[in-house]
Amino acid sequence: MTTEEKAPHISTLIVDDEPQIQRLLTIMLETNGYRVTVASNGQEGIAATAQRRHDLIVLDLGLPDISGISVLKQIREWTQTPVIILTVQDSEGEKIEALDAGADDYITKPFNSGELLARVRAALRRADKGKIQEPVLEFGELTINLAGRRVTRKGEPVKLTATEFALLRLFVQHAGKVLTHRHLLREVWGPEQENETQYLRVYVQRLREKLEADPEAPAFFLTEPGVGYRFQEP
């Protein structure tokens, strides 16, 4: 299989000031068939996004001129292109801020090439699915009818409260994406409850108990420590 057959016509913008990271990402992505454009600072990244449509953006938060968060906020004014941010370890605050500003995912330096490519593919799948929202979604043994507000596991109906279903719907509509505590609380309980993380822990545990094969070792509702949760597609 040629590289063009692997990922035809996928244009990726890398915004990072480290030459070593630029080279690594370029080789990794081009080897897998992606077309790559590189910007070495925030202003170049903004200009590249404005001048040409890209299918995916990989954005470093630690840029030399302006912060990656500022870049993200500016490009989100005109594009919903998936953005994966690169962060250093122990930077939960930055991760949360970036996700709340519109990032689709994050990966921590130093990163594994296989993990990064998997995150790239997942972000592109979500972007493609987002164009047409199916009323009935299937995730392994789970079937979720968004229009009919019905859920089955292994063909058996699962009874959910209105709040549980609202939380589940938010998760599956953003399957594979990290959702921050603040975002989940705001969307399900309202902006006045953004800091009530205990609500979230209780309801996520309820969903695990009702929908996971093993609630103590969840396969769907994954915790992102210090950040939020991710609904993982099987």
C-alpha atoms as a PDB file:
ATOM      1  CA  MET A   1       0.000   0.000   0.000  1.00  0.00           C
ATOM      2  CA  THR A   2       1.425   3.391  -0.940  1.00  0.00           C
ATOM      3  CA  THR A   3       1.446   6.354   1.431  1.00  0.00           C
ATOM      4  CA  GLU A   4      -1.119   8.077  -0.752  1.00  0.00           C
ATOM      5  CA  GLU A   5      -3.481   5.126  -0.212  1.00  0.00           C
ATOM      6  CA  LYS A   6      -3.065   5.320   3.561  1.00  0.00           C
ATOM      7  CA  ALA A   7      -4.293   8.890   4.063  1.00  0.00           C
ATOM      8  CA  PRO A   8      -5.164  10.562   0.726  1.00  0.00           C
ATOM      9  CA  HIS A   9      -5.523  14.328   0.620  1.00  0.00           C
ATOM     10  CA  ILE A  10      -5.129  14.825   4.395  1.00  0.00           C
ATOM     11  CA  SER A  11      -3.445  18.159   5.013  1.00  0.00           C
ATOM     12  CA  THR A  12      -1.826  18.671   8.425  1.00  0.00           C
ATOM     13  CA  LEU A  13      -0.400  21.868   9.909  1.00  0.00           C
ATOM     14  CA  ILE A  14       2.302  21.559  12.568  1.00  0.00           C
ATOM     15  CA  VAL A  15       2.800  24.626  14.774  1.00  0.00           C
ATOM     16  CA  ASP A  16       5.933  24.053  16.867  1.00  0.00           C
ATOM     17  CA  ASP A  17       9.206  25.927  17.299  1.00  0.00           C
ATOM     18  CA  GLU A  18      11.454  22.937  18.071  1.00  0.00           C
ATOM     19  CA  PRO A  19      13.294  21.722  14.910  1.00  0.00           C
ATOM     20  CA  GLN A  20      13.620  18.209  16.341  1.00  0.00           C
ATOM     21  CA  ILE A  21       9.859  17.960  16.951  1.00  0.00           C
ATOM     22  CA  GLN A  22       9.146  19.455  13.528  1.00  0.00           C
ATOM     23  CA  ARG A  23      11.316  16.831  11.834  1.00  0.00           C
ATOM     24  CA  LEU A  24       9.915  13.963  13.895  1.00  0.00           C
ATOM     25  CA  LEU A  25       6.289  14.903  13.231  1.00  0.00           C
ATOM     26  CA  THR A  26       6.927  15.582   9.549  1.00  0.00           C
ATOM     27  CA  ILE A  27       8.591  12.209   8.976  1.00  0.00           C
ATOM     28  CA  MET A  28       5.956  10.389  11.025  1.00  0.00           C
ATOM     29  CA  LEU A  29       3.009  11.975   9.222  1.00  0.00           C
ATOM     30  CA  GLU A  30       4.430  12.004   5.693  1.00  0.00           C
ATOM     31  CA  THR A  31       5.407   8.335   6.014  1.00  0.00           C
ATOM     32  CA  ASN A  32       1.734   7.634   6.690  1.00  0.00           C
ATOM     33  CA  GLY A  33       0.542   9.649   3.714  1.00  0.00           C
ATOM     34  CA  TYR A  34      -0.299  13.018   5.258  1.00  0.00           C
ATOM     35  CA  ARG A  35       0.681  16.280   3.574  1.00  0.00           C
ATOM     36  CA  VAL A  36       2.513  18.470   6.089  1.00  0.00           C
ATOM     37  CA  THR A  37       2.965  22.227   6.473  1.00  0.00           C
ATOM     38  CA  VAL A  38       5.180  23.571   9.272  1.00  0.00           C
ATOM     39  CA  ALA A  39       4.874  26.880  11.149  1.00  0.00           C
ATOM     40  CA  SER A  40       7.621  27.796  13.635  1.00  0.00           C
ATOM     41  CA  ASN A  41       5.675  30.255  15.783  1.00  0.00           C
ATOM     42  CA  GLY A  42       2.169  31.328  16.648  1.00  0.00           C
ATOM     43  CA  GLN A  43       1.813  34.132  14.108  1.00  0.00           C
ATOM     44  CA  GLU A  44       2.979  31.860  11.285  1.00  0.00           C
ATOM     45  CA  GLY A  45       0.471  29.270  12.461  1.00  0.00           C
ATOM     46  CA  ILE A  46      -2.404  31.749  12.436  1.00  0.00           C
ATOM     47  CA  ALA A  47      -1.408  32.991   8.979  1.00  0.00           C
ATOM     48  CA  ALA A  48      -1.123  29.440   7.608  1.00  0.00           C
ATOM     49  CA  THR A  49      -4.573  28.598   8.968  1.00  0.00           C
ATOM     50  CA  ALA A  50      -6.098  31.709   7.433  1.00  0.00           C
ATOM     51  CA  GLN A  51      -4.454  31.233   4.040  1.00  0.00           C
ATOM     52  CA  ARG A  52      -5.212  27.555   3.482  1.00  0.00           C
ATOM     53  CA  ARG A  53      -7.684  24.948   4.709  1.00  0.00           C
ATOM     54  CA  HIS A  54      -6.126  22.136   6.720  1.00  0.00           C
ATOM     55  CA  ASP A  55      -7.740  18.892   7.860  1.00  0.00           C
ATOM     56  CA  LEU A  56      -5.820  18.770  11.151  1.00  0.00           C
ATOM     57  CA  ILE A  57      -3.615  21.031  13.267  1.00  0.00           C
ATOM     58  CA  VAL A  58      -0.963  19.852  15.731  1.00  0.00           C
ATOM     59  CA  LEU A  59      -0.286  22.792  18.047  1.00  0.00           C
ATOM     60  CA  ASP A  60       2.428  23.204  20.669  1.00  0.00           C
ATOM     61  CA  LEU A  61       1.403  25.322  23.654  1.00  0.00           C
ATOM     62  CA  GLY A  62       4.920  26.642  24.349  1.00  0.00           C
ATOM     63  CA  LEU A  63       5.553  28.912  21.354  1.00  0.00           C
ATOM     64  CA  PRO A  64       8.186  31.700  21.291  1.00  0.00           C
ATOM     65  CA  ASP A  65       6.006  34.660  20.276  1.00  0.00           C
ATOM     66  CA  ILE A  66       2.464  34.078  21.565  1.00  0.00           C
ATOM     67  CA  SER A  67       0.991  31.240  23.575  1.00  0.00           C
ATOM     68  CA  GLY A  68      -0.553  28.229  21.938  1.00  0.00           C
ATOM     69  CA  ILE A  69      -3.765  29.050  23.815  1.00  0.00           C
ATOM     70  CA  SER A  70      -3.877  32.452  22.090  1.00  0.00           C
ATOM     71  CA  VAL A  71      -3.334  30.798  18.716  1.00  0.00           C
ATOM     72  CA  LEU A  72      -6.127  28.331  19.426  1.00  0.00           C
ATOM     73  CA  LYS A  73      -8.579  31.028  20.481  1.00  0.00           C
ATOM     74  CA  GLN A  74      -7.858  33.085  17.373  1.00  0.00           C
ATOM     75  CA  ILE A  75      -8.197  30.262  14.856  1.00  0.00           C
ATOM     76  CA  ARG A  76     -11.391  29.070  16.558  1.00  0.00           C
ATOM     77  CA  GLU A  77     -12.952  32.370  15.463  1.00  0.00           C
ATOM     78  CA  TRP A  78     -13.154  31.055  11.902  1.00  0.00           C
ATOM     79  CA  THR A  79     -12.385  27.328  11.769  1.00  0.00           C
ATOM     80  CA  GLN A  80     -13.448  24.135  13.520  1.00  0.00           C
ATOM     81  CA  THR A  81     -10.512  22.123  12.131  1.00  0.00           C
ATOM     82  CA  PRO A  82      -9.510  19.450  14.674  1.00  0.00           C
ATOM     83  CA  VAL A  83      -6.628  20.588  16.891  1.00  0.00           C
ATOM     84  CA  ILE A  84      -4.366  18.274  18.877  1.00  0.00           C
ATOM     85  CA  ILE A  85      -2.205  20.121  21.367  1.00  0.00           C
ATOM     86  CA  LEU A  86       1.284  19.141  22.503  1.00  0.00           C
ATOM     87  CA  THR A  87       2.021  19.715  26.185  1.00  0.00           C
ATOM     88  CA  VAL A  88       4.741  18.970  28.692  1.00  0.00           C
ATOM     89  CA  GLN A  89       4.173  16.692  31.659  1.00  0.00           C
ATOM     90  CA  ASP A  90       2.418  17.960  34.791  1.00  0.00           C
ATOM     91  CA  SER A  91       0.556  20.733  32.983  1.00  0.00           C
ATOM     92  CA  GLU A  92      -3.062  19.856  33.817  1.00  0.00           C
ATOM     93  CA  GLY A  93      -3.992  23.523  34.049  1.00  0.00           C
ATOM     94  CA  GLU A  94      -2.834  24.192  30.491  1.00  0.00           C
ATOM     95  CA  LYS A  95      -4.545  21.051  29.206  1.00  0.00           C
ATOM     96  CA  ILE A  96      -7.852  22.112  30.747  1.00  0.00           C
ATOM     97  CA  GLU A  97      -7.539  25.659  29.423  1.00  0.00           C
ATOM     98  CA  ALA A  98      -6.753  24.397  25.919  1.00  0.00           C
ATOM     99  CA  LEU A  99      -9.621  21.905  25.887  1.00  0.00           C
ATOM    100  CA  ASP A 100     -12.028  24.566  27.128  1.00  0.00           C
ATOM    101  CA  ALA A 101     -10.737  26.881  24.386  1.00  0.00           C
ATOM    102  CA  GLY A 102     -11.643  24.356  21.702  1.00  0.00           C
ATOM    103  CA  ALA A 103      -8.821  21.814  21.422  1.00  0.00           C
ATOM    104  CA  ASP A 104      -9.969  18.343  20.421  1.00  0.00           C
ATOM    105  CA  ASP A 105      -7.286  16.325  22.187  1.00  0.00           C
ATOM    106  CA  TYR A 106      -3.840  16.555  23.732  1.00  0.00           C
ATOM    107  CA  ILE A 107      -0.706  14.476  23.896  1.00  0.00           C
ATOM    108  CA  THR A 108       2.165  14.859  26.328  1.00  0.00           C
ATOM    109  CA  LYS A 109       5.830  15.209  25.338  1.00  0.00           C
ATOM    110  CA  PRO A 110       7.749  12.980  24.948  1.00  0.00           C
ATOM    111  CA  PHE A 111       5.145  11.103  22.951  1.00  0.00           C
ATOM    112  CA  ASN A 112       4.894   7.699  21.335  1.00  0.00           C
ATOM    113  CA  SER A 113       4.482   7.804  17.553  1.00  0.00           C
ATOM    114  CA  GLY A 114       1.813   5.087  17.604  1.00  0.00           C
ATOM    115  CA  GLU A 115      -0.250   6.976  20.187  1.00  0.00           C
ATOM    116  CA  LEU A 116       0.007  10.248  18.269  1.00  0.00           C
ATOM    117  CA  LEU A 117      -1.095   8.628  15.002  1.00  0.00           C
ATOM    118  CA  ALA A 118      -4.004   6.966  16.794  1.00  0.00           C
ATOM    119  CA  ARG A 119      -5.067  10.355  18.220  1.00  0.00           C
ATOM    120  CA  VAL A 120      -4.774  11.894  14.756  1.00  0.00           C
ATOM    121  CA  ARG A 121      -6.970   9.200  13.195  1.00  0.00           C
ATOM    122  CA  ALA A 122      -9.524   9.518  16.001  1.00  0.00           C
ATOM    123  CA  ALA A 123      -9.710  13.312  15.618  1.00  0.00           C
ATOM    124  CA  LEU A 124     -10.256  12.981  11.880  1.00  0.00           C
ATOM    125  CA  ARG A 125     -12.970  10.343  12.397  1.00  0.00           C
ATOM    126  CA  ARG A 126     -14.786  12.596  14.866  1.00  0.00           C
ATOM    127  CA  ALA A 127     -14.631  15.506  12.435  1.00  0.00           C
ATOM    128  CA  ASP A 128     -16.054  13.325   9.670  1.00  0.00           C
ATOM    129  CA  LYS A 129     -18.814  11.918  11.884  1.00  0.00           C
ATOM    130  CA  GLY A 130     -19.719  15.397  13.075  1.00  0.00           C
ATOM    131  CA  LYS A 131     -20.854  16.335   9.581  1.00  0.00           C
ATOM    132  CA  ILE A 132     -23.793  13.901   9.847  1.00  0.00           C
ATOM    133  CA  GLN A 133     -25.095  12.979  13.310  1.00  0.00           C
ATOM    134  CA  GLU A 134     -26.619   9.527  13.232  1.00  0.00           C
ATOM    135  CA  PRO A 135     -29.713   9.061  15.445  1.00  0.00           C
ATOM    136  CA  VAL A 136     -28.646   5.536  16.460  1.00  0.00           C
ATOM    137  CA  LEU A 137     -25.061   4.901  17.571  1.00  0.00           C
ATOM    138  CA  GLU A 138     -23.426   1.562  18.317  1.00  0.00           C
ATOM    139  CA  PHE A 139     -20.369   1.074  20.504  1.00  0.00           C
ATOM    140  CA  GLY A 140     -19.604  -2.605  20.926  1.00  0.00           C
ATOM    141  CA  GLU A 141     -22.380  -4.099  23.052  1.00  0.00           C
ATOM    142  CA  LEU A 142     -24.038  -0.692  23.547  1.00  0.00           C
ATOM    143  CA  THR A 143     -26.737   0.724  21.262  1.00  0.00           C
ATOM    144  CA  ILE A 144     -27.814   4.302  21.892  1.00  0.00           C
ATOM    145  CA  ASN A 145     -30.849   5.775  20.166  1.00  0.00           C
ATOM    146  CA  LEU A 146     -30.439   9.531  20.532  1.00  0.00           C
ATOM    147  CA  ALA A 147     -33.752  10.376  18.903  1.00  0.00           C
ATOM    148  CA  GLY A 148     -35.744   7.805  20.882  1.00  0.00           C
ATOM    149  CA  ARG A 149     -33.750   8.309  24.101  1.00  0.00           C
ATOM    150  CA  ARG A 150     -33.292   4.530  24.418  1.00  0.00           C
ATOM    151  CA  VAL A 151     -30.214   2.554  25.444  1.00  0.00           C
ATOM    152  CA  THR A 152     -29.615  -1.184  25.251  1.00  0.00           C
ATOM    153  CA  ARG A 153     -26.686  -3.317  26.388  1.00  0.00           C
ATOM    154  CA  LYS A 154     -26.346  -6.754  24.814  1.00  0.00           C
ATOM    155  CA  GLY A 155     -29.848  -6.201  23.448  1.00  0.00           C
ATOM    156  CA  GLU A 156     -31.368  -5.605  26.891  1.00  0.00           C
ATOM    157  CA  PRO A 157     -32.952  -2.198  27.697  1.00  0.00           C
ATOM    158  CA  VAL A 158     -31.089  -0.032  30.206  1.00  0.00           C
ATOM    159  CA  LYS A 159     -33.099   2.478  32.194  1.00  0.00           C
ATOM    160  CA  LEU A 160     -31.419   5.863  32.572  1.00  0.00           C
ATOM    161  CA  THR A 161     -32.602   9.000  34.318  1.00  0.00           C
ATOM    162  CA  ALA A 162     -32.922  12.206  32.286  1.00  0.00           C
ATOM    163  CA  THR A 163     -29.632  13.507  33.696  1.00  0.00           C
ATOM    164  CA  GLU A 164     -27.814  10.226  33.057  1.00  0.00           C
ATOM    165  CA  PHE A 165     -29.018  10.215  29.449  1.00  0.00           C
ATOM    166  CA  ALA A 166     -28.015  13.860  28.953  1.00  0.00           C
ATOM    167  CA  LEU A 167     -24.517  13.071  30.201  1.00  0.00           C
ATOM    168  CA  LEU A 168     -24.299   9.934  28.049  1.00  0.00           C
ATOM    169  CA  ARG A 169     -25.457  11.838  24.968  1.00  0.00           C
ATOM    170  CA  LEU A 170     -22.743  14.445  25.498  1.00  0.00           C
ATOM    171  CA  PHE A 171     -20.121  11.726  25.829  1.00  0.00           C
ATOM    172  CA  VAL A 172     -21.118   9.771  22.715  1.00  0.00           C
ATOM    173  CA  GLN A 173     -21.496  12.887  20.588  1.00  0.00           C
ATOM    174  CA  HIS A 174     -17.830  13.581  21.379  1.00  0.00           C
ATOM    175  CA  ALA A 175     -16.619   9.973  21.470  1.00  0.00           C
ATOM    176  CA  GLY A 176     -12.857   9.760  21.783  1.00  0.00           C
ATOM    177  CA  LYS A 177     -12.489  13.402  22.804  1.00  0.00           C
ATOM    178  CA  VAL A 178     -11.393  14.531  26.253  1.00  0.00           C
ATOM    179  CA  LEU A 179     -14.164  16.556  27.916  1.00  0.00           C
ATOM    180  CA  THR A 180     -13.175  18.677  30.887  1.00  0.00           C
ATOM    181  CA  HIS A 181     -15.025  18.617  34.192  1.00  0.00           C
ATOM    182  CA  ARG A 182     -16.058  22.217  33.619  1.00  0.00           C
ATOM    183  CA  HIS A 183     -17.446  21.532  30.140  1.00  0.00           C
ATOM    184  CA  LEU A 184     -19.472  18.508  31.248  1.00  0.00           C
ATOM    185  CA  LEU A 185     -20.908  20.292  34.268  1.00  0.00           C
ATOM    186  CA  ARG A 186     -21.771  23.398  32.264  1.00  0.00           C
ATOM    187  CA  GLU A 187     -23.508  21.473  29.478  1.00  0.00           C
ATOM    188  CA  VAL A 188     -25.500  19.078  31.680  1.00  0.00           C
ATOM    189  CA  TRP A 189     -26.107  21.012  34.919  1.00  0.00           C
ATOM    190  CA  GLY A 190     -25.659  24.637  33.803  1.00  0.00           C
ATOM    191  CA  PRO A 191     -22.928  27.275  34.232  1.00  0.00           C
ATOM    192  CA  GLU A 192     -23.761  27.852  37.891  1.00  0.00           C
ATOM    193  CA  GLN A 193     -22.650  24.264  38.661  1.00  0.00           C
ATOM    194  CA  GLU A 194     -19.262  24.348  36.906  1.00  0.00           C
ATOM    195  CA  ASN A 195     -17.321  23.657  40.106  1.00  0.00           C
ATOM    196  CA  GLU A 196     -19.527  20.857  41.480  1.00  0.00           C
ATOM    197  CA  THR A 197     -17.242  18.006  40.425  1.00  0.00           C
ATOM    198  CA  GLN A 198     -18.840  15.673  42.963  1.00  0.00           C
ATOM    199  CA  TYR A 199     -22.024  15.650  40.833  1.00  0.00           C
ATOM    200  CA  LEU A 200     -19.969  14.476  37.903  1.00  0.00           C
ATOM    201  CA  ARG A 201     -18.168  11.711  39.790  1.00  0.00           C
ATOM    202  CA  VAL A 202     -21.469  10.328  41.049  1.00  0.00           C
ATOM    203  CA  TYR A 203     -23.153  10.303  37.647  1.00  0.00           C
ATOM    204  CA  VAL A 204     -20.159   8.916  35.768  1.00  0.00           C
ATOM    205  CA  GLN A 205     -20.036   6.093  38.300  1.00  0.00           C
ATOM    206  CA  ARG A 206     -23.755   5.448  37.728  1.00  0.00           C
ATOM    207  CA  LEU A 207     -23.181   5.192  33.979  1.00  0.00           C
ATOM    208  CA  ARG A 208     -20.295   2.801  34.561  1.00  0.00           C
ATOM    209  CA  GLU A 209     -22.437   0.615  36.808  1.00  0.00           C
ATOM    210  CA  LYS A 210     -25.240   0.484  34.255  1.00  0.00           C
ATOM    211  CA  LEU A 211     -23.278   0.280  31.010  1.00  0.00           C
ATOM    212  CA  GLU A 212     -19.833  -1.191  31.688  1.00  0.00           C
ATOM    213  CA  ALA A 213     -19.122  -4.919  31.806  1.00  0.00           C
ATOM    214  CA  ASP A 214     -16.793  -4.186  34.739  1.00  0.00           C
ATOM    215  CA  PRO A 215     -17.437  -0.800  36.395  1.00  0.00           C
ATOM    216  CA  GLU A 216     -14.147  -1.056  38.290  1.00  0.00           C
ATOM    217  CA  ALA A 217     -12.188  -1.463  35.045  1.00  0.00           C
ATOM    218  CA  PRO A 218     -14.189   0.718  32.629  1.00  0.00           C
ATOM    219  CA  ALA A 219     -13.745   0.281  28.902  1.00  0.00           C
ATOM    220  CA  PHE A 220     -15.952   3.204  27.812  1.00  0.00           C
ATOM    221  CA  PHE A 221     -15.931   5.922  30.475  1.00  0.00           C
ATOM    222  CA  LEU A 222     -12.255   6.675  31.031  1.00  0.00           C
ATOM    223  CA  THR A 223     -10.877   9.117  33.589  1.00  0.00           C
ATOM    224  CA  GLU A 224      -8.306  11.676  32.423  1.00  0.00           C
ATOM    225  CA  PRO A 225      -6.638  12.508  35.770  1.00  0.00           C
ATOM    226  CA  GLY A 226      -6.901  16.138  36.752  1.00  0.00           C
ATOM    227  CA  VAL A 227      -8.652  17.040  33.488  1.00  0.00           C
ATOM    228  CA  GLY A 228     -11.964  15.254  32.903  1.00  0.00           C
ATOM    229  CA  TYR A 229     -13.287  12.176  31.122  1.00  0.00           C
ATOM    230  CA  ARG A 230     -13.155  10.526  27.706  1.00  0.00           C
ATOM    231  CA  PHE A 231     -15.751   8.180  26.173  1.00  0.00           C
ATOM    232  CA  GLN A 232     -13.571   5.600  24.470  1.00  0.00           C
ATOM    233  CA  GLU A 233     -14.796   3.897  21.319  1.00  0.00           C
ATOM    234  CA  PRO A 234     -14.117   0.138  21.342  1.00  0.00           C
END
